[in-house]
Amino acid sequence: MLNPFRSVSVYQLRQRWKAGLLLFALVIAAATLWYTESLAQGLRRREAREVARWGMAVEHIVKSSPDVDLTLATQIIEDNESIPLLLVDDQGRVVSSRNVAWRDST
């Protein structure tokens, strides 16, 4: 059996190892970027659905007559744990907030 490494110098062998390691690192980097993008895209879709659902619930409450059952709409609004909400007065001052982390600026 012939030795495949006999005619290859140490320098050439080292260069091949470096090229192989570089290729392996590039494959890992590309796979990581692809996986991260797919996670971000899924999160983007989920958040868009949640915001749309919350908006429809608020619109339903605002436009409905007093005798309509609002149980589902209020449940959707109360279950919101990720959509940031700010209630402001006529001067733009924040009266109430939910799901917003505030830093004290004073």
PDB file of N, CA and C in Angstrom:
ATOM      1  N   MET A   1       0.847  -1.178   0.000  1.00  0.00           N
ATOM      2  CA  MET A   1       0.000   0.000   0.000  1.00  0.00           C
ATOM      3  C   MET A   1       0.894   1.244   0.000  1.00  0.00           C
ATOM      4  N   LEU A   2       0.554   2.170  -0.816  1.00  0.00           N
ATOM      5  CA  LEU A   2       1.350   3.387  -0.932  1.00  0.00           C
ATOM      6  C   LEU A   2       0.935   4.391   0.135  1.00  0.00           C
ATOM      7  N   ASN A   3       1.891   5.090   0.651  1.00  0.00           N
ATOM      8  CA  ASN A   3       1.632   6.126   1.644  1.00  0.00           C
ATOM      9  C   ASN A   3       1.282   7.414   0.904  1.00  0.00           C
ATOM     10  N   PRO A   4       0.062   7.957   1.084  1.00  0.00           N
ATOM     11  CA  PRO A   4      -0.311   9.173   0.353  1.00  0.00           C
ATOM     12  C   PRO A   4       0.430  10.415   0.831  1.00  0.00           C
ATOM     13  N   PHE A   5       1.042  10.360   2.014  1.00  0.00           N
ATOM     14  CA  PHE A   5       1.714  11.533   2.563  1.00  0.00           C
ATOM     15  C   PHE A   5       3.214  11.554   2.241  1.00  0.00           C
ATOM     16  N   ARG A   6       3.720  10.528   1.586  1.00  0.00           N
ATOM     17  CA  ARG A   6       5.152  10.441   1.330  1.00  0.00           C
ATOM     18  C   ARG A   6       5.632  11.563   0.422  1.00  0.00           C
ATOM     19  N   SER A   7       4.863  11.878  -0.610  1.00  0.00           N
ATOM     20  CA  SER A   7       5.315  12.893  -1.558  1.00  0.00           C
ATOM     21  C   SER A   7       4.915  14.310  -1.146  1.00  0.00           C
ATOM     22  N   VAL A   8       4.199  14.444  -0.037  1.00  0.00           N
ATOM     23  CA  VAL A   8       3.742  15.753   0.417  1.00  0.00           C
ATOM     24  C   VAL A   8       4.714  16.265   1.474  1.00  0.00           C
ATOM     25  N   SER A   9       5.175  17.474   1.288  1.00  0.00           N
ATOM     26  CA  SER A   9       6.093  18.047   2.267  1.00  0.00           C
ATOM     27  C   SER A   9       5.320  18.505   3.502  1.00  0.00           C
ATOM     28  N   VAL A  10       6.045  18.732   4.563  1.00  0.00           N
ATOM     29  CA  VAL A  10       5.438  19.198   5.806  1.00  0.00           C
ATOM     30  C   VAL A  10       4.761  20.546   5.584  1.00  0.00           C
ATOM     31  N   TYR A  11       5.371  21.396   4.788  1.00  0.00           N
ATOM     32  CA  TYR A  11       4.799  22.711   4.491  1.00  0.00           C
ATOM     33  C   TYR A  11       3.461  22.563   3.775  1.00  0.00           C
ATOM     34  N   GLN A  12       3.397  21.689   2.759  1.00  0.00           N
ATOM     35  CA  GLN A  12       2.150  21.487   2.028  1.00  0.00           C
ATOM     36  C   GLN A  12       1.073  20.893   2.929  1.00  0.00           C
ATOM     37  N   LEU A  13       1.462  19.965   3.792  1.00  0.00           N
ATOM     38  CA  LEU A  13       0.510  19.354   4.717  1.00  0.00           C
ATOM     39  C   LEU A  13      -0.056  20.399   5.678  1.00  0.00           C
ATOM     40  N   ARG A  14       0.814  21.261   6.165  1.00  0.00           N
ATOM     41  CA  ARG A  14       0.376  22.323   7.075  1.00  0.00           C
ATOM     42  C   ARG A  14      -0.573  23.290   6.362  1.00  0.00           C
ATOM     43  N   GLN A  15      -0.277  23.623   5.115  1.00  0.00           N
ATOM     44  CA  GLN A  15      -1.139  24.515   4.335  1.00  0.00           C
ATOM     45  C   GLN A  15      -2.516  23.883   4.112  1.00  0.00           C
ATOM     46  N   ARG A  16      -2.549  22.588   3.850  1.00  0.00           N
ATOM     47  CA  ARG A  16      -3.828  21.900   3.663  1.00  0.00           C
ATOM     48  C   ARG A  16      -4.649  21.907   4.953  1.00  0.00           C
ATOM     49  N   TRP A  17      -3.983  21.691   6.077  1.00  0.00           N
ATOM     50  CA  TRP A  17      -4.680  21.744   7.365  1.00  0.00           C
ATOM     51  C   TRP A  17      -5.265  23.140   7.616  1.00  0.00           C
ATOM     52  N   LYS A  18      -4.491  24.149   7.329  1.00  0.00           N
ATOM     53  CA  LYS A  18      -4.975  25.521   7.510  1.00  0.00           C
ATOM     54  C   LYS A  18      -6.176  25.798   6.615  1.00  0.00           C
ATOM     55  N   ALA A  19      -6.101  25.384   5.367  1.00  0.00           N
ATOM     56  CA  ALA A  19      -7.217  25.593   4.439  1.00  0.00           C
ATOM     57  C   ALA A  19      -8.449  24.817   4.900  1.00  0.00           C
ATOM     58  N   GLY A  20      -8.246  23.597   5.369  1.00  0.00           N
ATOM     59  CA  GLY A  20      -9.365  22.795   5.871  1.00  0.00           C
ATOM     60  C   GLY A  20     -10.009  23.418   7.098  1.00  0.00           C
ATOM     61  N   LEU A  21      -9.190  23.897   8.017  1.00  0.00           N
ATOM     62  CA  LEU A  21      -9.722  24.548   9.217  1.00  0.00           C
ATOM     63  C   LEU A  21     -10.459  25.837   8.872  1.00  0.00           C
ATOM     64  N   LEU A  22      -9.922  26.591   7.914  1.00  0.00           N
ATOM     65  CA  LEU A  22     -10.588  27.814   7.481  1.00  0.00           C
ATOM     66  C   LEU A  22     -11.940  27.496   6.855  1.00  0.00           C
ATOM     67  N   LEU A  23     -11.980  26.477   6.014  1.00  0.00           N
ATOM     68  CA  LEU A  23     -13.239  26.069   5.393  1.00  0.00           C
ATOM     69  C   LEU A  23     -14.243  25.622   6.453  1.00  0.00           C
ATOM     70  N   PHE A  24     -13.783  24.855   7.425  1.00  0.00           N
ATOM     71  CA  PHE A  24     -14.650  24.401   8.513  1.00  0.00           C
ATOM     72  C   PHE A  24     -15.193  25.590   9.311  1.00  0.00           C
ATOM     73  N   ALA A  25     -14.346  26.565   9.598  1.00  0.00           N
ATOM     74  CA  ALA A  25     -14.782  27.762  10.329  1.00  0.00           C
ATOM     75  C   ALA A  25     -15.811  28.553   9.531  1.00  0.00           C
ATOM     76  N   LEU A  26     -15.617  28.648   8.219  1.00  0.00           N
ATOM     77  CA  LEU A  26     -16.582  29.357   7.373  1.00  0.00           C
ATOM     78  C   LEU A  26     -17.928  28.643   7.346  1.00  0.00           C
ATOM     79  N   VAL A  27     -17.910  27.322   7.315  1.00  0.00           N
ATOM     80  CA  VAL A  27     -19.164  26.555   7.345  1.00  0.00           C
ATOM     81  C   VAL A  27     -19.890  26.786   8.667  1.00  0.00           C
ATOM     82  N   ILE A  28     -19.165  26.767   9.768  1.00  0.00           N
ATOM     83  CA  ILE A  28     -19.782  27.015  11.078  1.00  0.00           C
ATOM     84  C   ILE A  28     -20.351  28.430  11.139  1.00  0.00           C
ATOM     85  N   ALA A  29     -19.613  29.412  10.650  1.00  0.00           N
ATOM     86  CA  ALA A  29     -20.094  30.801  10.666  1.00  0.00           C
ATOM     87  C   ALA A  29     -21.349  30.956   9.818  1.00  0.00           C
ATOM     88  N   ALA A  30     -21.370  30.351   8.638  1.00  0.00           N
ATOM     89  CA  ALA A  30     -22.544  30.446   7.766  1.00  0.00           C
ATOM     90  C   ALA A  30     -23.748  29.763   8.402  1.00  0.00           C
ATOM     91  N   ALA A  31     -23.541  28.602   9.008  1.00  0.00           N
ATOM     92  CA  ALA A  31     -24.646  27.899   9.669  1.00  0.00           C
ATOM     93  C   ALA A  31     -25.181  28.708  10.845  1.00  0.00           C
ATOM     94  N   THR A  32     -24.294  29.345  11.585  1.00  0.00           N
ATOM     95  CA  THR A  32     -24.720  30.171  12.715  1.00  0.00           C
ATOM     96  C   THR A  32     -25.532  31.366  12.240  1.00  0.00           C
ATOM     97  N   LEU A  33     -25.080  32.027  11.191  1.00  0.00           N
ATOM     98  CA  LEU A  33     -25.826  33.166  10.647  1.00  0.00           C
ATOM     99  C   LEU A  33     -27.195  32.742  10.127  1.00  0.00           C
ATOM    100  N   TRP A  34     -27.257  31.619   9.427  1.00  0.00           N
ATOM    101  CA  TRP A  34     -28.537  31.124   8.908  1.00  0.00           C
ATOM    102  C   TRP A  34     -29.495  30.809  10.054  1.00  0.00           C
ATOM    103  N   TYR A  35     -29.016  30.120  11.082  1.00  0.00           N
ATOM    104  CA  TYR A  35     -29.865  29.744  12.209  1.00  0.00           C
ATOM    105  C   TYR A  35     -30.348  30.986  12.964  1.00  0.00           C
ATOM    106  N   THR A  36     -29.476  31.944  13.188  1.00  0.00           N
ATOM    107  CA  THR A  36     -29.856  33.174  13.879  1.00  0.00           C
ATOM    108  C   THR A  36     -30.901  33.939  13.088  1.00  0.00           C
ATOM    109  N   GLU A  37     -30.734  34.020  11.777  1.00  0.00           N
ATOM    110  CA  GLU A  37     -31.711  34.714  10.936  1.00  0.00           C
ATOM    111  C   GLU A  37     -33.059  34.010  10.962  1.00  0.00           C
ATOM    112  N   SER A  38     -33.056  32.682  10.954  1.00  0.00           N
ATOM    113  CA  SER A  38     -34.333  31.961  10.999  1.00  0.00           C
ATOM    114  C   SER A  38     -35.028  32.168  12.339  1.00  0.00           C
ATOM    115  N   LEU A  39     -34.276  32.221  13.430  1.00  0.00           N
ATOM    116  CA  LEU A  39     -34.874  32.520  14.737  1.00  0.00           C
ATOM    117  C   LEU A  39     -35.455  33.929  14.765  1.00  0.00           C
ATOM    118  N   ALA A  40     -34.721  34.888  14.237  1.00  0.00           N
ATOM    119  CA  ALA A  40     -35.195  36.273  14.212  1.00  0.00           C
ATOM    120  C   ALA A  40     -36.433  36.414  13.340  1.00  0.00           C
ATOM    121  N   GLN A  41     -36.477  35.712  12.223  1.00  0.00           N
ATOM    122  CA  GLN A  41     -37.636  35.780  11.339  1.00  0.00           C
ATOM    123  C   GLN A  41     -38.873  35.193  12.020  1.00  0.00           C
ATOM    124  N   GLY A  42     -38.713  34.092  12.735  1.00  0.00           N
ATOM    125  CA  GLY A  42     -39.827  33.510  13.479  1.00  0.00           C
ATOM    126  C   GLY A  42     -40.331  34.449  14.559  1.00  0.00           C
ATOM    127  N   LEU A  43     -39.410  35.080  15.272  1.00  0.00           N
ATOM    128  CA  LEU A  43     -39.785  36.041  16.305  1.00  0.00           C
ATOM    129  C   LEU A  43     -40.500  37.236  15.695  1.00  0.00           C
ATOM    130  N   ARG A  44     -40.012  37.709  14.550  1.00  0.00           N
ATOM    131  CA  ARG A  44     -40.628  38.833  13.850  1.00  0.00           C
ATOM    132  C   ARG A  44     -42.073  38.511  13.470  1.00  0.00           C
ATOM    133  N   ARG A  45     -42.297  37.315  12.933  1.00  0.00           N
ATOM    134  CA  ARG A  45     -43.662  36.905  12.554  1.00  0.00           C
ATOM    135  C   ARG A  45     -44.576  36.806  13.769  1.00  0.00           C
ATOM    136  N   ARG A  46     -44.066  36.187  14.836  1.00  0.00           N
ATOM    137  CA  ARG A  46     -44.877  36.023  16.046  1.00  0.00           C
ATOM    138  C   ARG A  46     -45.266  37.370  16.643  1.00  0.00           C
ATOM    139  N   GLU A  47     -44.318  38.282  16.725  1.00  0.00           N
ATOM    140  CA  GLU A  47     -44.612  39.597  17.291  1.00  0.00           C
ATOM    141  C   GLU A  47     -45.593  40.370  16.412  1.00  0.00           C
ATOM    142  N   ALA A  48     -45.474  40.250  15.102  1.00  0.00           N
ATOM    143  CA  ALA A  48     -46.420  40.927  14.203  1.00  0.00           C
ATOM    144  C   ALA A  48     -47.831  40.385  14.406  1.00  0.00           C
ATOM    145  N   ARG A  49     -47.963  39.072  14.572  1.00  0.00           N
ATOM    146  CA  ARG A  49     -49.288  38.485  14.840  1.00  0.00           C
ATOM    147  C   ARG A  49     -49.850  38.981  16.164  1.00  0.00           C
ATOM    148  N   GLU A  50     -49.001  39.034  17.194  1.00  0.00           N
ATOM    149  CA  GLU A  50     -49.454  39.484  18.512  1.00  0.00           C
ATOM    150  C   GLU A  50     -49.916  40.941  18.471  1.00  0.00           C
ATOM    151  N   VAL A  51     -49.163  41.786  17.796  1.00  0.00           N
ATOM    152  CA  VAL A  51     -49.542  43.202  17.701  1.00  0.00           C
ATOM    153  C   VAL A  51     -50.840  43.353  16.920  1.00  0.00           C
ATOM    154  N   ALA A  52     -50.988  42.600  15.835  1.00  0.00           N
ATOM    155  CA  ALA A  52     -52.226  42.668  15.046  1.00  0.00           C
ATOM    156  C   ALA A  52     -53.415  42.189  15.872  1.00  0.00           C
ATOM    157  N   ARG A  53     -53.247  41.101  16.604  1.00  0.00           N
ATOM    158  CA  ARG A  53     -54.325  40.574  17.452  1.00  0.00           C
ATOM    159  C   ARG A  53     -54.696  41.588  18.538  1.00  0.00           C
ATOM    160  N   TRP A  54     -53.686  42.189  19.155  1.00  0.00           N
ATOM    161  CA  TRP A  54     -53.945  43.172  20.201  1.00  0.00           C
ATOM    162  C   TRP A  54     -54.668  44.385  19.612  1.00  0.00           C
ATOM    163  N   GLY A  55     -54.229  44.836  18.441  1.00  0.00           N
ATOM    164  CA  GLY A  55     -54.868  45.982  17.788  1.00  0.00           C
ATOM    165  C   GLY A  55     -56.316  45.707  17.437  1.00  0.00           C
ATOM    166  N   MET A  56     -56.605  44.501  16.947  1.00  0.00           N
ATOM    167  CA  MET A  56     -57.994  44.152  16.632  1.00  0.00           C
ATOM    168  C   MET A  56     -58.853  44.105  17.894  1.00  0.00           C
ATOM    169  N   ALA A  57     -58.279  43.635  18.996  1.00  0.00           N
ATOM    170  CA  ALA A  57     -59.029  43.590  20.252  1.00  0.00           C
ATOM    171  C   ALA A  57     -59.353  45.002  20.735  1.00  0.00           C
ATOM    172  N   VAL A  58     -58.386  45.895  20.675  1.00  0.00           N
ATOM    173  CA  VAL A  58     -58.629  47.283  21.090  1.00  0.00           C
ATOM    174  C   VAL A  58     -59.662  47.929  20.178  1.00  0.00           C
ATOM    175  N   GLU A  59     -59.538  47.719  18.879  1.00  0.00           N
ATOM    176  CA  GLU A  59     -60.500  48.283  17.933  1.00  0.00           C
ATOM    177  C   GLU A  59     -61.906  47.736  18.190  1.00  0.00           C
ATOM    178  N   HIS A  60     -62.008  46.460  18.501  1.00  0.00           N
ATOM    179  CA  HIS A  60     -63.309  45.852  18.790  1.00  0.00           C
ATOM    180  C   HIS A  60     -63.939  46.485  20.034  1.00  0.00           C
ATOM    181  N   ILE A  61     -63.132  46.713  21.059  1.00  0.00           N
ATOM    182  CA  ILE A  61     -63.653  47.327  22.287  1.00  0.00           C
ATOM    183  C   ILE A  61     -64.102  48.755  22.022  1.00  0.00           C
ATOM    184  N   VAL A  62     -63.312  49.513  21.277  1.00  0.00           N
ATOM    185  CA  VAL A  62     -63.632  50.919  21.017  1.00  0.00           C
ATOM    186  C   VAL A  62     -64.880  51.058  20.160  1.00  0.00           C
ATOM    187  N   LYS A  63     -65.044  50.205  19.156  1.00  0.00           N
ATOM    188  CA  LYS A  63     -66.150  50.341  18.210  1.00  0.00           C
ATOM    189  C   LYS A  63     -67.426  49.605  18.622  1.00  0.00           C
ATOM    190  N   SER A  64     -67.372  48.806  19.663  1.00  0.00           N
ATOM    191  CA  SER A  64     -68.546  47.999  20.009  1.00  0.00           C
ATOM    192  C   SER A  64     -69.539  48.786  20.859  1.00  0.00           C
ATOM    193  N   SER A  65     -70.771  48.338  20.806  1.00  0.00           N
ATOM    194  CA  SER A  65     -71.819  48.954  21.623  1.00  0.00           C
ATOM    195  C   SER A  65     -71.724  48.400  23.044  1.00  0.00           C
ATOM    196  N   PRO A  66     -72.340  49.079  24.006  1.00  0.00           N
ATOM    197  CA  PRO A  66     -72.217  48.668  25.409  1.00  0.00           C
ATOM    198  C   PRO A  66     -72.778  47.277  25.716  1.00  0.00           C
ATOM    199  N   ASP A  67     -73.706  46.775  24.920  1.00  0.00           N
ATOM    200  CA  ASP A  67     -74.319  45.484  25.229  1.00  0.00           C
ATOM    201  C   ASP A  67     -73.583  44.288  24.613  1.00  0.00           C
ATOM    202  N   VAL A  68     -72.440  44.503  23.969  1.00  0.00           N
ATOM    203  CA  VAL A  68     -71.677  43.427  23.332  1.00  0.00           C
ATOM    204  C   VAL A  68     -70.755  42.775  24.365  1.00  0.00           C
ATOM    205  N   ASP A  69     -70.613  41.451  24.269  1.00  0.00           N
ATOM    206  CA  ASP A  69     -69.712  40.712  25.158  1.00  0.00           C
ATOM    207  C   ASP A  69     -68.263  40.979  24.745  1.00  0.00           C
ATOM    208  N   LEU A  70     -67.485  41.521  25.651  1.00  0.00           N
ATOM    209  CA  LEU A  70     -66.095  41.893  25.366  1.00  0.00           C
ATOM    210  C   LEU A  70     -65.096  40.991  26.085  1.00  0.00           C
ATOM    211  N   THR A  71     -65.533  39.822  26.500  1.00  0.00           N
ATOM    212  CA  THR A  71     -64.674  38.934  27.277  1.00  0.00           C
ATOM    213  C   THR A  71     -63.409  38.549  26.519  1.00  0.00           C
ATOM    214  N   LEU A  72     -63.551  38.121  25.276  1.00  0.00           N
ATOM    215  CA  LEU A  72     -62.389  37.695  24.495  1.00  0.00           C
ATOM    216  C   LEU A  72     -61.429  38.856  24.241  1.00  0.00           C
ATOM    217  N   ALA A  73     -61.965  40.004  23.869  1.00  0.00           N
ATOM    218  CA  ALA A  73     -61.113  41.162  23.581  1.00  0.00           C
ATOM    219  C   ALA A  73     -60.356  41.614  24.827  1.00  0.00           C
ATOM    220  N   THR A  74     -61.038  41.669  25.961  1.00  0.00           N
ATOM    221  CA  THR A  74     -60.342  42.082  27.188  1.00  0.00           C
ATOM    222  C   THR A  74     -59.329  41.034  27.627  1.00  0.00           C
ATOM    223  N   GLN A  75     -59.610  39.768  27.381  1.00  0.00           N
ATOM    224  CA  GLN A  75     -58.651  38.713  27.721  1.00  0.00           C
ATOM    225  C   GLN A  75     -57.382  38.848  26.880  1.00  0.00           C
ATOM    226  N   ILE A  76     -57.534  39.162  25.603  1.00  0.00           N
ATOM    227  CA  ILE A  76     -56.368  39.356  24.726  1.00  0.00           C
ATOM    228  C   ILE A  76     -55.526  40.527  25.224  1.00  0.00           C
ATOM    229  N   ILE A  77     -56.180  41.610  25.597  1.00  0.00           N
ATOM    230  CA  ILE A  77     -55.455  42.794  26.074  1.00  0.00           C
ATOM    231  C   ILE A  77     -54.767  42.512  27.405  1.00  0.00           C
ATOM    232  N   GLU A  78     -55.453  41.828  28.313  1.00  0.00           N
ATOM    233  CA  GLU A  78     -54.868  41.534  29.624  1.00  0.00           C
ATOM    234  C   GLU A  78     -53.712  40.543  29.534  1.00  0.00           C
ATOM    235  N   ASP A  79     -53.765  39.628  28.581  1.00  0.00           N
ATOM    236  CA  ASP A  79     -52.711  38.617  28.453  1.00  0.00           C
ATOM    237  C   ASP A  79     -51.444  39.147  27.792  1.00  0.00           C
ATOM    238  N   ASN A  80     -51.471  40.370  27.317  1.00  0.00           N
ATOM    239  CA  ASN A  80     -50.302  40.951  26.664  1.00  0.00           C
ATOM    240  C   ASN A  80     -49.158  41.078  27.663  1.00  0.00           C
ATOM    241  N   GLU A  81     -48.058  40.387  27.367  1.00  0.00           N
ATOM    242  CA  GLU A  81     -46.868  40.480  28.214  1.00  0.00           C
ATOM    243  C   GLU A  81     -45.635  40.932  27.439  1.00  0.00           C
ATOM    244  N   SER A  82     -45.814  41.249  26.153  1.00  0.00           N
ATOM    245  CA  SER A  82     -44.635  41.605  25.362  1.00  0.00           C
ATOM    246  C   SER A  82     -44.779  42.914  24.594  1.00  0.00           C
ATOM    247  N   ILE A  83     -45.992  43.346  24.297  1.00  0.00           N
ATOM    248  CA  ILE A  83     -46.185  44.567  23.517  1.00  0.00           C
ATOM    249  C   ILE A  83     -46.106  45.762  24.464  1.00  0.00           C
ATOM    250  N   PRO A  84     -45.169  46.689  24.244  1.00  0.00           N
ATOM    251  CA  PRO A  84     -45.072  47.859  25.112  1.00  0.00           C
ATOM    252  C   PRO A  84     -46.252  48.806  24.893  1.00  0.00           C
ATOM    253  N   LEU A  85     -46.827  49.289  25.986  1.00  0.00           N
ATOM    254  CA  LEU A  85     -47.983  50.181  25.925  1.00  0.00           C
ATOM    255  C   LEU A  85     -47.706  51.437  26.732  1.00  0.00           C
ATOM    256  N   LEU A  86     -48.083  52.578  26.177  1.00  0.00           N
ATOM    257  CA  LEU A  86     -47.975  53.859  26.874  1.00  0.00           C
ATOM    258  C   LEU A  86     -49.307  54.576  26.780  1.00  0.00           C
ATOM    259  N   LEU A  87     -49.806  55.056  27.903  1.00  0.00           N
ATOM    260  CA  LEU A  87     -51.002  55.886  27.937  1.00  0.00           C
ATOM    261  C   LEU A  87     -50.532  57.296  28.277  1.00  0.00           C
ATOM    262  N   VAL A  88     -50.822  58.250  27.384  1.00  0.00           N
ATOM    263  CA  VAL A  88     -50.364  59.622  27.579  1.00  0.00           C
ATOM    264  C   VAL A  88     -51.553  60.565  27.652  1.00  0.00           C
ATOM    265  N   ASP A  89     -51.349  61.708  28.308  1.00  0.00           N
ATOM    266  CA  ASP A  89     -52.410  62.712  28.382  1.00  0.00           C
ATOM    267  C   ASP A  89     -52.298  63.667  27.195  1.00  0.00           C
ATOM    268  N   ASP A  90     -53.092  64.739  27.214  1.00  0.00           N
ATOM    269  CA  ASP A  90     -53.120  65.689  26.100  1.00  0.00           C
ATOM    270  C   ASP A  90     -51.787  66.404  25.882  1.00  0.00           C
ATOM    271  N   GLN A  91     -50.989  66.543  26.932  1.00  0.00           N
ATOM    272  CA  GLN A  91     -49.696  67.225  26.815  1.00  0.00           C
ATOM    273  C   GLN A  91     -48.563  66.255  26.462  1.00  0.00           C
ATOM    274  N   GLY A  92     -48.867  65.000  26.286  1.00  0.00           N
ATOM    275  CA  GLY A  92     -47.852  64.024  25.932  1.00  0.00           C
ATOM    276  C   GLY A  92     -47.121  63.425  27.113  1.00  0.00           C
ATOM    277  N   ARG A  93     -47.587  63.680  28.328  1.00  0.00           N
ATOM    278  CA  ARG A  93     -46.974  63.096  29.515  1.00  0.00           C
ATOM    279  C   ARG A  93     -47.498  61.679  29.709  1.00  0.00           C
ATOM    280  N   VAL A  94     -46.611  60.790  30.089  1.00  0.00           N
ATOM    281  CA  VAL A  94     -46.991  59.396  30.289  1.00  0.00           C
ATOM    282  C   VAL A  94     -47.808  59.276  31.569  1.00  0.00           C
ATOM    283  N   VAL A  95     -49.028  58.775  31.426  1.00  0.00           N
ATOM    284  CA  VAL A  95     -49.918  58.570  32.563  1.00  0.00           C
ATOM    285  C   VAL A  95     -49.751  57.152  33.102  1.00  0.00           C
ATOM    286  N   SER A  96     -49.629  56.197  32.196  1.00  0.00           N
ATOM    287  CA  SER A  96     -49.504  54.800  32.583  1.00  0.00           C
ATOM    288  C   SER A  96     -48.681  54.073  31.525  1.00  0.00           C
ATOM    289  N   SER A  97     -48.031  53.002  31.940  1.00  0.00           N
ATOM    290  CA  SER A  97     -47.256  52.212  30.983  1.00  0.00           C
ATOM    291  C   SER A  97     -47.317  50.743  31.376  1.00  0.00           C
ATOM    292  N   ARG A  98     -47.026  49.905  30.389  1.00  0.00           N
ATOM    293  CA  ARG A  98     -46.991  48.463  30.628  1.00  0.00           C
ATOM    294  C   ARG A  98     -45.959  47.859  29.678  1.00  0.00           C
ATOM    295  N   ASN A  99     -45.173  46.943  30.189  1.00  0.00           N
ATOM    296  CA  ASN A  99     -44.143  46.246  29.407  1.00  0.00           C
ATOM    297  C   ASN A  99     -43.080  47.196  28.866  1.00  0.00           C
ATOM    298  N   VAL A 100     -42.781  48.233  29.631  1.00  0.00           N
ATOM    299  CA  VAL A 100     -41.744  49.192  29.247  1.00  0.00           C
ATOM    300  C   VAL A 100     -40.801  49.348  30.435  1.00  0.00           C
ATOM    301  N   ALA A 101     -39.514  49.188  30.194  1.00  0.00           N
ATOM    302  CA  ALA A 101     -38.520  49.388  31.244  1.00  0.00           C
ATOM    303  C   ALA A 101     -38.076  50.845  31.201  1.00  0.00           C
ATOM    304  N   TRP A 102     -38.281  51.554  32.285  1.00  0.00           N
ATOM    305  CA  TRP A 102     -37.927  52.975  32.356  1.00  0.00           C
ATOM    306  C   TRP A 102     -36.632  53.143  33.114  1.00  0.00           C
ATOM    307  N   ARG A 103     -35.811  54.057  32.599  1.00  0.00           N
ATOM    308  CA  ARG A 103     -34.634  54.480  33.349  1.00  0.00           C
ATOM    309  C   ARG A 103     -34.979  55.803  34.001  1.00  0.00           C
ATOM    310  N   ASP A 104     -34.638  55.947  35.252  1.00  0.00           N
ATOM    311  CA  ASP A 104     -34.927  57.182  35.964  1.00  0.00           C
ATOM    312  C   ASP A 104     -33.973  58.261  35.471  1.00  0.00           C
ATOM    313  N   SER A 105     -34.527  59.329  34.868  1.00  0.00           N
ATOM    314  CA  SER A 105     -33.686  60.380  34.282  1.00  0.00           C
ATOM    315  C   SER A 105     -33.446  61.536  35.241  1.00  0.00           C
ATOM    316  N   THR A 106     -33.904  61.428  36.466  1.00  0.00           N
ATOM    317  CA  THR A 106     -33.701  62.531  37.415  1.00  0.00           C
ATOM    318  C   THR A 106     -32.470  62.330  38.236  1.00  0.00           C
TER     319      THR A 106
END
